[in-house]
Amino acid sequence: FFSAAAVNKPMKGTEALQSLFGDEELSDVKMQGSDGGIVVAVKAVLSARCPVFRKLFYGPLSSTEIVLSEGKDLIIFKDWDCSTLNLLVEFCYTDNISAMEVRPSDHIARAMVNLGSASIVFKLQALRDKVDKWISKQVRLFPALACALIDEGMKRDDINKI
C-alpha cells in the first residue's frame, strides 16, 4: 500500500504540503493561463490561503468560472499567463517564490510585476508585500531592471509602486 521509504521517513506538515505543489496525481483543479499553459493544484490548499480562490471554488463564483476536463475542474484565466499562475500557486503552497532566489533578469522582473498585480486581484497582501520588497531591493542592486519593471507595469496599468 505505502512504499517503505514513505513509511520510514515521515514528513513535517509543511514539507507534506509543499510536496503537493505540482503533483498531477493528487491535484483536483487545472488552471489554464492566457498563454495556454496549465498549472495543477489542490482546491483546498488554494482556498485555505486565498479568499478569491475560496469564492471561486466554493462560493458564488463557483458555477460560472469552472468546467470539467479529464476529471478535474478547469479554470481558464484570460488575464494571467501560466508563469504568473504558477508563481501564485507556489506562494499558496510554500509562502515563497523560488524565482526571487535567483539572479534577476528582465524576464523575472516582468514576472514579478505580473505577480504583484495578481496579488492584488487575488487579495494576497503578504505576497504583494514580498513582491514590493523584492522589486525595491533589485532596483537598488540592478538599476537597469527598472526599464523592464516600468514597461510591464504600464502594460498592466500598475506602476504606482514601481
N, C-alpha and C. Protein backbone atom coordinates (compact mmCIF):
# COMPACT_ATOMS: atom_id res chain seq x y z
N PHE A 1 0.82 -1.19 0.00
CA PHE A 1 0.00 0.00 0.00
C PHE A 1 0.87 1.25 0.00
N PHE A 2 1.74 1.41 1.01
CA PHE A 2 2.68 2.53 1.05
C PHE A 2 4.08 1.98 0.79
N SER A 3 4.91 2.80 0.17
CA SER A 3 6.29 2.38 -0.03
C SER A 3 7.02 2.42 1.30
N ALA A 4 8.06 1.59 1.44
CA ALA A 4 8.84 1.53 2.67
C ALA A 4 9.50 2.87 2.96
N ALA A 5 9.96 3.55 1.92
CA ALA A 5 10.62 4.84 2.11
C ALA A 5 9.65 5.87 2.67
N ALA A 6 8.41 5.87 2.17
CA ALA A 6 7.42 6.84 2.62
C ALA A 6 7.04 6.59 4.08
N VAL A 7 6.96 5.32 4.47
CA VAL A 7 6.58 4.98 5.83
C VAL A 7 7.73 5.28 6.79
N ASN A 8 8.96 5.03 6.38
CA ASN A 8 10.11 5.20 7.26
C ASN A 8 10.52 6.65 7.45
N LYS A 9 10.16 7.52 6.54
CA LYS A 9 10.59 8.91 6.65
C LYS A 9 9.37 9.83 6.65
N PRO A 10 8.78 10.04 7.82
CA PRO A 10 7.62 10.93 7.87
C PRO A 10 8.03 12.38 7.59
N MET A 11 7.17 13.09 6.88
CA MET A 11 7.42 14.49 6.56
C MET A 11 6.75 15.38 7.60
N LYS A 12 7.34 16.53 7.81
CA LYS A 12 6.69 17.54 8.62
C LYS A 12 5.48 18.05 7.85
N GLY A 13 4.56 18.69 8.55
CA GLY A 13 3.34 19.19 7.90
C GLY A 13 3.63 20.12 6.74
N THR A 14 4.55 21.04 6.94
CA THR A 14 4.87 22.00 5.86
C THR A 14 5.53 21.30 4.68
N GLU A 15 6.38 20.31 4.96
CA GLU A 15 7.01 19.57 3.87
C GLU A 15 5.97 18.78 3.07
N ALA A 16 5.04 18.18 3.77
CA ALA A 16 3.99 17.41 3.10
C ALA A 16 3.15 18.32 2.21
N LEU A 17 2.81 19.48 2.73
CA LEU A 17 2.04 20.44 1.94
C LEU A 17 2.83 20.88 0.71
N GLN A 18 4.08 21.22 0.90
CA GLN A 18 4.92 21.66 -0.21
C GLN A 18 5.10 20.55 -1.24
N SER A 19 5.09 19.30 -0.81
CA SER A 19 5.26 18.19 -1.75
C SER A 19 4.07 18.06 -2.71
N LEU A 20 2.94 18.66 -2.34
CA LEU A 20 1.77 18.62 -3.22
C LEU A 20 1.88 19.59 -4.39
N PHE A 21 2.77 20.58 -4.28
CA PHE A 21 2.93 21.58 -5.32
C PHE A 21 3.33 20.91 -6.63
N GLY A 22 2.48 21.03 -7.63
CA GLY A 22 2.74 20.46 -8.95
C GLY A 22 2.42 18.98 -9.07
N ASP A 23 1.84 18.37 -8.04
CA ASP A 23 1.54 16.94 -8.06
C ASP A 23 0.28 16.69 -8.90
N GLU A 24 0.48 16.23 -10.11
CA GLU A 24 -0.62 15.99 -11.06
C GLU A 24 -1.63 14.98 -10.51
N GLU A 25 -1.13 13.93 -9.88
CA GLU A 25 -1.99 12.84 -9.41
C GLU A 25 -2.96 13.29 -8.31
N LEU A 26 -2.47 14.09 -7.39
CA LEU A 26 -3.31 14.49 -6.26
C LEU A 26 -4.06 15.79 -6.48
N SER A 27 -3.79 16.47 -7.57
CA SER A 27 -4.48 17.74 -7.84
C SER A 27 -5.93 17.49 -8.23
N ASP A 28 -6.76 18.49 -7.98
CA ASP A 28 -8.17 18.39 -8.38
C ASP A 28 -8.62 19.58 -9.21
N VAL A 29 -7.68 20.45 -9.56
CA VAL A 29 -8.02 21.59 -10.41
C VAL A 29 -6.86 21.89 -11.35
N LYS A 30 -7.22 22.30 -12.55
CA LYS A 30 -6.25 22.77 -13.53
C LYS A 30 -6.57 24.23 -13.81
N MET A 31 -5.52 25.02 -13.89
CA MET A 31 -5.70 26.43 -14.23
C MET A 31 -4.94 26.70 -15.52
N GLN A 32 -5.68 27.15 -16.51
CA GLN A 32 -5.07 27.43 -17.81
C GLN A 32 -4.82 28.93 -17.93
N GLY A 33 -3.58 29.27 -18.22
CA GLY A 33 -3.22 30.66 -18.38
C GLY A 33 -3.60 31.20 -19.74
N SER A 34 -3.45 32.50 -19.90
CA SER A 34 -3.78 33.16 -21.17
C SER A 34 -2.90 32.68 -22.31
N ASP A 35 -1.75 32.09 -21.98
CA ASP A 35 -0.83 31.56 -22.99
C ASP A 35 -1.08 30.09 -23.29
N GLY A 36 -2.09 29.49 -22.66
CA GLY A 36 -2.44 28.09 -22.90
C GLY A 36 -1.77 27.11 -21.96
N GLY A 37 -0.78 27.55 -21.18
CA GLY A 37 -0.11 26.68 -20.23
C GLY A 37 -1.03 26.30 -19.08
N ILE A 38 -0.75 25.15 -18.47
CA ILE A 38 -1.59 24.60 -17.40
C ILE A 38 -0.79 24.50 -16.10
N VAL A 39 -1.44 24.87 -15.01
CA VAL A 39 -0.91 24.69 -13.66
C VAL A 39 -1.91 23.84 -12.90
N VAL A 40 -1.43 22.81 -12.20
CA VAL A 40 -2.32 21.97 -11.41
C VAL A 40 -2.20 22.34 -9.94
N ALA A 41 -3.27 22.11 -9.20
CA ALA A 41 -3.27 22.46 -7.77
C ALA A 41 -4.37 21.68 -7.05
N VAL A 42 -4.40 21.85 -5.75
CA VAL A 42 -5.44 21.29 -4.90
C VAL A 42 -6.31 22.45 -4.43
N LYS A 43 -7.60 22.37 -4.74
CA LYS A 43 -8.51 23.47 -4.42
C LYS A 43 -8.50 23.84 -2.94
N ALA A 44 -8.45 22.85 -2.07
CA ALA A 44 -8.49 23.12 -0.64
C ALA A 44 -7.27 23.94 -0.19
N VAL A 45 -6.11 23.65 -0.75
CA VAL A 45 -4.90 24.40 -0.39
C VAL A 45 -5.04 25.85 -0.84
N LEU A 46 -5.44 26.04 -2.09
CA LEU A 46 -5.59 27.40 -2.61
C LEU A 46 -6.66 28.16 -1.83
N SER A 47 -7.75 27.49 -1.52
CA SER A 47 -8.85 28.13 -0.79
C SER A 47 -8.46 28.51 0.63
N ALA A 48 -7.63 27.69 1.25
CA ALA A 48 -7.18 28.00 2.61
C ALA A 48 -6.29 29.23 2.64
N ARG A 49 -5.57 29.49 1.57
CA ARG A 49 -4.63 30.61 1.53
C ARG A 49 -5.19 31.86 0.89
N CYS A 50 -6.23 31.71 0.06
CA CYS A 50 -6.65 32.84 -0.78
C CYS A 50 -8.17 32.96 -0.80
N PRO A 51 -8.70 34.10 -0.33
CA PRO A 51 -10.15 34.28 -0.30
C PRO A 51 -10.80 34.27 -1.69
N VAL A 52 -10.08 34.70 -2.70
CA VAL A 52 -10.65 34.71 -4.05
C VAL A 52 -10.80 33.28 -4.56
N PHE A 53 -9.81 32.43 -4.31
CA PHE A 53 -9.95 31.03 -4.71
C PHE A 53 -11.08 30.36 -3.94
N ARG A 54 -11.24 30.68 -2.67
CA ARG A 54 -12.33 30.11 -1.87
C ARG A 54 -13.68 30.45 -2.51
N LYS A 55 -13.86 31.72 -2.88
CA LYS A 55 -15.11 32.12 -3.54
C LYS A 55 -15.27 31.46 -4.90
N LEU A 56 -14.17 31.33 -5.61
CA LEU A 56 -14.22 30.73 -6.94
C LEU A 56 -14.61 29.26 -6.87
N PHE A 57 -14.03 28.53 -5.92
CA PHE A 57 -14.28 27.09 -5.83
C PHE A 57 -15.54 26.74 -5.04
N TYR A 58 -15.85 27.51 -4.00
CA TYR A 58 -16.92 27.10 -3.09
C TYR A 58 -18.00 28.16 -2.88
N GLY A 59 -17.82 29.33 -3.47
CA GLY A 59 -18.77 30.41 -3.23
C GLY A 59 -19.59 30.77 -4.44
N PRO A 60 -20.01 32.02 -4.49
CA PRO A 60 -20.93 32.47 -5.54
C PRO A 60 -20.33 32.46 -6.95
N LEU A 61 -19.02 32.45 -7.08
CA LEU A 61 -18.41 32.42 -8.41
C LEU A 61 -18.25 31.01 -8.95
N SER A 62 -18.48 30.00 -8.12
CA SER A 62 -18.11 28.63 -8.47
C SER A 62 -18.78 28.08 -9.72
N SER A 63 -20.02 28.40 -9.96
CA SER A 63 -20.71 27.78 -11.09
C SER A 63 -20.38 28.42 -12.44
N THR A 64 -19.90 29.64 -12.46
CA THR A 64 -19.73 30.32 -13.74
C THR A 64 -18.33 30.21 -14.33
N GLU A 65 -17.33 29.94 -13.52
CA GLU A 65 -15.96 30.01 -13.99
C GLU A 65 -15.32 28.65 -14.26
N ILE A 66 -15.94 27.56 -13.85
CA ILE A 66 -15.28 26.25 -13.84
C ILE A 66 -15.97 25.28 -14.80
N VAL A 67 -15.15 24.55 -15.58
CA VAL A 67 -15.65 23.47 -16.42
C VAL A 67 -14.89 22.20 -16.03
N LEU A 68 -15.38 21.06 -16.46
CA LEU A 68 -14.74 19.79 -16.14
C LEU A 68 -13.86 19.36 -17.30
N SER A 69 -12.63 18.94 -17.00
CA SER A 69 -11.69 18.48 -18.03
C SER A 69 -10.86 17.33 -17.47
N GLU A 70 -11.01 16.17 -18.08
CA GLU A 70 -10.24 14.98 -17.69
C GLU A 70 -10.38 14.68 -16.20
N GLY A 71 -11.58 14.83 -15.67
CA GLY A 71 -11.85 14.50 -14.28
C GLY A 71 -11.43 15.56 -13.28
N LYS A 72 -10.94 16.69 -13.75
CA LYS A 72 -10.53 17.78 -12.86
C LYS A 72 -11.25 19.04 -13.29
N ASP A 73 -11.48 19.92 -12.33
CA ASP A 73 -12.03 21.22 -12.67
C ASP A 73 -10.99 22.00 -13.46
N LEU A 74 -11.44 22.74 -14.45
CA LEU A 74 -10.56 23.56 -15.27
C LEU A 74 -11.05 25.00 -15.22
N ILE A 75 -10.14 25.90 -14.90
CA ILE A 75 -10.44 27.32 -14.89
C ILE A 75 -9.53 27.97 -15.92
N ILE A 76 -10.11 28.75 -16.81
CA ILE A 76 -9.33 29.46 -17.82
C ILE A 76 -9.21 30.92 -17.40
N PHE A 77 -7.96 31.36 -17.26
CA PHE A 77 -7.68 32.74 -16.87
C PHE A 77 -7.24 33.52 -18.09
N LYS A 78 -7.96 34.56 -18.42
CA LYS A 78 -7.63 35.37 -19.59
C LYS A 78 -6.62 36.47 -19.25
N ASP A 79 -6.53 36.84 -17.98
CA ASP A 79 -5.66 37.95 -17.58
C ASP A 79 -4.29 37.52 -17.07
N TRP A 80 -4.09 36.23 -16.83
CA TRP A 80 -2.85 35.76 -16.22
C TRP A 80 -2.25 34.64 -17.05
N ASP A 81 -0.95 34.75 -17.34
CA ASP A 81 -0.30 33.67 -18.07
C ASP A 81 0.06 32.54 -17.10
N CYS A 82 0.51 31.45 -17.66
CA CYS A 82 0.83 30.26 -16.88
C CYS A 82 1.94 30.53 -15.86
N SER A 83 2.92 31.31 -16.23
CA SER A 83 4.01 31.64 -15.32
C SER A 83 3.50 32.36 -14.08
N THR A 84 2.63 33.34 -14.27
CA THR A 84 2.06 34.07 -13.14
C THR A 84 1.23 33.15 -12.27
N LEU A 85 0.41 32.31 -12.88
CA LEU A 85 -0.41 31.37 -12.11
C LEU A 85 0.47 30.40 -11.33
N ASN A 86 1.53 29.93 -11.95
CA ASN A 86 2.44 29.00 -11.28
C ASN A 86 3.08 29.66 -10.05
N LEU A 87 3.52 30.90 -10.19
CA LEU A 87 4.11 31.62 -9.06
C LEU A 87 3.08 31.86 -7.96
N LEU A 88 1.87 32.16 -8.35
CA LEU A 88 0.78 32.38 -7.39
C LEU A 88 0.50 31.09 -6.61
N VAL A 89 0.43 29.98 -7.31
CA VAL A 89 0.19 28.69 -6.65
C VAL A 89 1.39 28.32 -5.77
N GLU A 90 2.60 28.57 -6.29
CA GLU A 90 3.79 28.28 -5.48
C GLU A 90 3.73 29.03 -4.15
N PHE A 91 3.35 30.29 -4.19
CA PHE A 91 3.24 31.07 -2.96
C PHE A 91 2.19 30.46 -2.03
N CYS A 92 1.05 30.08 -2.57
CA CYS A 92 -0.01 29.50 -1.74
C CYS A 92 0.46 28.22 -1.04
N TYR A 93 1.29 27.44 -1.70
CA TYR A 93 1.79 26.18 -1.12
C TYR A 93 2.99 26.38 -0.20
N THR A 94 3.87 27.32 -0.53
CA THR A 94 5.17 27.37 0.15
C THR A 94 5.43 28.67 0.92
N ASP A 95 4.66 29.71 0.66
CA ASP A 95 4.89 31.02 1.24
C ASP A 95 6.16 31.67 0.68
N ASN A 96 6.68 31.11 -0.39
CA ASN A 96 7.89 31.62 -1.04
C ASN A 96 7.70 31.67 -2.54
N ILE A 97 8.63 32.36 -3.19
CA ILE A 97 8.68 32.43 -4.65
C ILE A 97 10.11 32.10 -5.05
N SER A 98 10.32 30.93 -5.64
CA SER A 98 11.67 30.48 -5.97
C SER A 98 12.37 31.42 -6.96
N ALA A 99 11.62 32.07 -7.83
CA ALA A 99 12.23 32.98 -8.81
C ALA A 99 12.89 34.17 -8.14
N MET A 100 12.52 34.45 -6.90
CA MET A 100 13.13 35.56 -6.17
C MET A 100 14.52 35.20 -5.64
N GLU A 101 14.88 33.94 -5.72
CA GLU A 101 16.14 33.48 -5.15
C GLU A 101 17.25 33.34 -6.18
N VAL A 102 16.97 33.65 -7.42
CA VAL A 102 17.99 33.58 -8.47
C VAL A 102 18.34 34.99 -8.93
N ARG A 103 19.44 35.09 -9.65
CA ARG A 103 19.85 36.41 -10.16
C ARG A 103 18.73 36.96 -11.04
N PRO A 104 18.31 38.19 -10.79
CA PRO A 104 17.19 38.75 -11.55
C PRO A 104 17.55 39.03 -13.00
N SER A 105 16.55 38.90 -13.84
CA SER A 105 16.68 39.21 -15.27
C SER A 105 15.46 40.05 -15.66
N ASP A 106 15.45 40.55 -16.87
CA ASP A 106 14.27 41.27 -17.35
C ASP A 106 13.03 40.38 -17.28
N HIS A 107 13.21 39.12 -17.66
CA HIS A 107 12.08 38.18 -17.66
C HIS A 107 11.52 38.01 -16.24
N ILE A 108 12.39 37.82 -15.26
CA ILE A 108 11.94 37.65 -13.88
C ILE A 108 11.31 38.95 -13.37
N ALA A 109 11.91 40.08 -13.71
CA ALA A 109 11.34 41.37 -13.28
C ALA A 109 9.93 41.54 -13.81
N ARG A 110 9.71 41.21 -15.08
CA ARG A 110 8.37 41.30 -15.67
C ARG A 110 7.41 40.34 -14.97
N ALA A 111 7.89 39.15 -14.66
CA ALA A 111 7.07 38.17 -13.95
C ALA A 111 6.66 38.69 -12.57
N MET A 112 7.56 39.40 -11.90
CA MET A 112 7.26 39.94 -10.58
C MET A 112 6.20 41.05 -10.67
N VAL A 113 6.26 41.86 -11.72
CA VAL A 113 5.22 42.89 -11.90
C VAL A 113 3.87 42.22 -12.07
N ASN A 114 3.81 41.20 -12.91
CA ASN A 114 2.54 40.49 -13.12
C ASN A 114 2.07 39.80 -11.85
N LEU A 115 3.01 39.22 -11.10
CA LEU A 115 2.66 38.58 -9.85
C LEU A 115 2.15 39.60 -8.83
N GLY A 116 2.77 40.77 -8.82
CA GLY A 116 2.29 41.84 -7.93
C GLY A 116 0.87 42.25 -8.26
N SER A 117 0.58 42.37 -9.55
CA SER A 117 -0.80 42.70 -9.95
C SER A 117 -1.76 41.58 -9.57
N ALA A 118 -1.34 40.35 -9.77
CA ALA A 118 -2.18 39.20 -9.40
C ALA A 118 -2.42 39.17 -7.89
N SER A 119 -1.41 39.54 -7.12
CA SER A 119 -1.57 39.51 -5.66
C SER A 119 -2.66 40.46 -5.20
N ILE A 120 -2.85 41.55 -5.92
CA ILE A 120 -3.92 42.50 -5.58
C ILE A 120 -5.28 41.89 -5.92
N VAL A 121 -5.39 41.36 -7.13
CA VAL A 121 -6.66 40.77 -7.58
C VAL A 121 -7.05 39.59 -6.70
N PHE A 122 -6.06 38.77 -6.31
CA PHE A 122 -6.35 37.58 -5.51
C PHE A 122 -6.32 37.86 -4.00
N LYS A 123 -6.15 39.14 -3.64
CA LYS A 123 -6.21 39.59 -2.25
C LYS A 123 -5.20 38.87 -1.36
N LEU A 124 -3.96 38.81 -1.84
CA LEU A 124 -2.87 38.19 -1.08
C LEU A 124 -1.87 39.28 -0.70
N GLN A 125 -2.17 40.00 0.36
CA GLN A 125 -1.33 41.13 0.77
C GLN A 125 0.09 40.70 1.11
N ALA A 126 0.25 39.55 1.74
CA ALA A 126 1.60 39.08 2.09
C ALA A 126 2.43 38.87 0.83
N LEU A 127 1.81 38.38 -0.22
CA LEU A 127 2.51 38.20 -1.49
C LEU A 127 2.86 39.55 -2.09
N ARG A 128 1.92 40.49 -2.05
CA ARG A 128 2.19 41.83 -2.58
C ARG A 128 3.37 42.47 -1.84
N ASP A 129 3.39 42.33 -0.54
CA ASP A 129 4.49 42.89 0.25
C ASP A 129 5.82 42.26 -0.14
N LYS A 130 5.81 40.95 -0.34
CA LYS A 130 7.03 40.23 -0.73
C LYS A 130 7.51 40.70 -2.10
N VAL A 131 6.60 40.87 -3.05
CA VAL A 131 6.97 41.33 -4.39
C VAL A 131 7.50 42.76 -4.34
N ASP A 132 6.82 43.63 -3.59
CA ASP A 132 7.27 45.02 -3.48
C ASP A 132 8.68 45.10 -2.88
N LYS A 133 8.92 44.29 -1.87
CA LYS A 133 10.25 44.27 -1.24
C LYS A 133 11.30 43.79 -2.24
N TRP A 134 10.98 42.74 -3.00
CA TRP A 134 11.91 42.20 -4.00
C TRP A 134 12.22 43.26 -5.05
N ILE A 135 11.18 43.92 -5.56
CA ILE A 135 11.38 44.94 -6.60
C ILE A 135 12.26 46.07 -6.07
N SER A 136 11.98 46.54 -4.88
CA SER A 136 12.75 47.63 -4.31
C SER A 136 14.23 47.25 -4.17
N LYS A 137 14.48 46.08 -3.67
CA LYS A 137 15.86 45.61 -3.49
C LYS A 137 16.57 45.45 -4.83
N GLN A 138 15.89 44.83 -5.79
CA GLN A 138 16.55 44.55 -7.08
C GLN A 138 16.84 45.82 -7.87
N VAL A 139 15.97 46.81 -7.77
CA VAL A 139 16.22 48.07 -8.49
C VAL A 139 17.44 48.78 -7.88
N ARG A 140 17.59 48.69 -6.56
CA ARG A 140 18.78 49.26 -5.94
C ARG A 140 20.04 48.55 -6.41
N LEU A 141 19.98 47.21 -6.51
CA LEU A 141 21.15 46.43 -6.90
C LEU A 141 21.40 46.44 -8.40
N PHE A 142 20.31 46.45 -9.18
CA PHE A 142 20.39 46.36 -10.64
C PHE A 142 19.47 47.42 -11.25
N PRO A 143 19.91 48.68 -11.28
CA PRO A 143 19.05 49.78 -11.75
C PRO A 143 18.48 49.57 -13.16
N ALA A 144 19.17 48.83 -14.01
CA ALA A 144 18.68 48.61 -15.38
C ALA A 144 17.37 47.83 -15.41
N LEU A 145 17.06 47.10 -14.34
CA LEU A 145 15.79 46.36 -14.29
C LEU A 145 14.59 47.29 -14.26
N ALA A 146 14.82 48.53 -13.87
CA ALA A 146 13.71 49.49 -13.78
C ALA A 146 12.97 49.62 -15.11
N CYS A 147 13.71 49.54 -16.22
CA CYS A 147 13.05 49.67 -17.53
C CYS A 147 12.03 48.55 -17.75
N ALA A 148 12.42 47.32 -17.47
CA ALA A 148 11.50 46.19 -17.64
C ALA A 148 10.33 46.29 -16.67
N LEU A 149 10.62 46.70 -15.45
CA LEU A 149 9.56 46.83 -14.44
C LEU A 149 8.53 47.89 -14.85
N ILE A 150 9.01 49.02 -15.30
CA ILE A 150 8.10 50.10 -15.71
C ILE A 150 7.33 49.70 -16.96
N ASP A 151 8.02 49.11 -17.93
CA ASP A 151 7.35 48.69 -19.17
C ASP A 151 6.22 47.71 -18.88
N GLU A 152 6.51 46.71 -18.06
CA GLU A 152 5.49 45.71 -17.74
C GLU A 152 4.39 46.32 -16.88
N GLY A 153 4.77 47.20 -15.97
CA GLY A 153 3.77 47.86 -15.12
C GLY A 153 2.82 48.71 -15.94
N MET A 154 3.34 49.37 -16.97
CA MET A 154 2.48 50.18 -17.83
C MET A 154 1.51 49.30 -18.62
N LYS A 155 1.94 48.13 -19.02
CA LYS A 155 1.04 47.20 -19.72
C LYS A 155 -0.14 46.80 -18.83
N ARG A 156 0.13 46.67 -17.56
CA ARG A 156 -0.90 46.27 -16.60
C ARG A 156 -1.55 47.46 -15.91
N ASP A 157 -1.11 48.66 -16.26
CA ASP A 157 -1.59 49.87 -15.60
C ASP A 157 -1.40 49.76 -14.10
N ASP A 158 -0.20 49.30 -13.71
CA ASP A 158 0.12 49.07 -12.31
C ASP A 158 1.56 49.49 -12.06
N ILE A 159 1.83 50.79 -12.13
CA ILE A 159 3.18 51.25 -11.91
C ILE A 159 3.28 52.15 -10.68
N ASN A 160 2.26 52.18 -9.88
CA ASN A 160 2.25 53.05 -8.70
C ASN A 160 3.38 52.74 -7.73
N LYS A 161 3.65 51.45 -7.51
CA LYS A 161 4.65 51.06 -6.53
C LYS A 161 6.03 50.90 -7.13
N ILE A 162 6.15 50.93 -8.43
CA ILE A 162 7.43 50.67 -9.09
C ILE A 162 8.27 51.92 -9.11
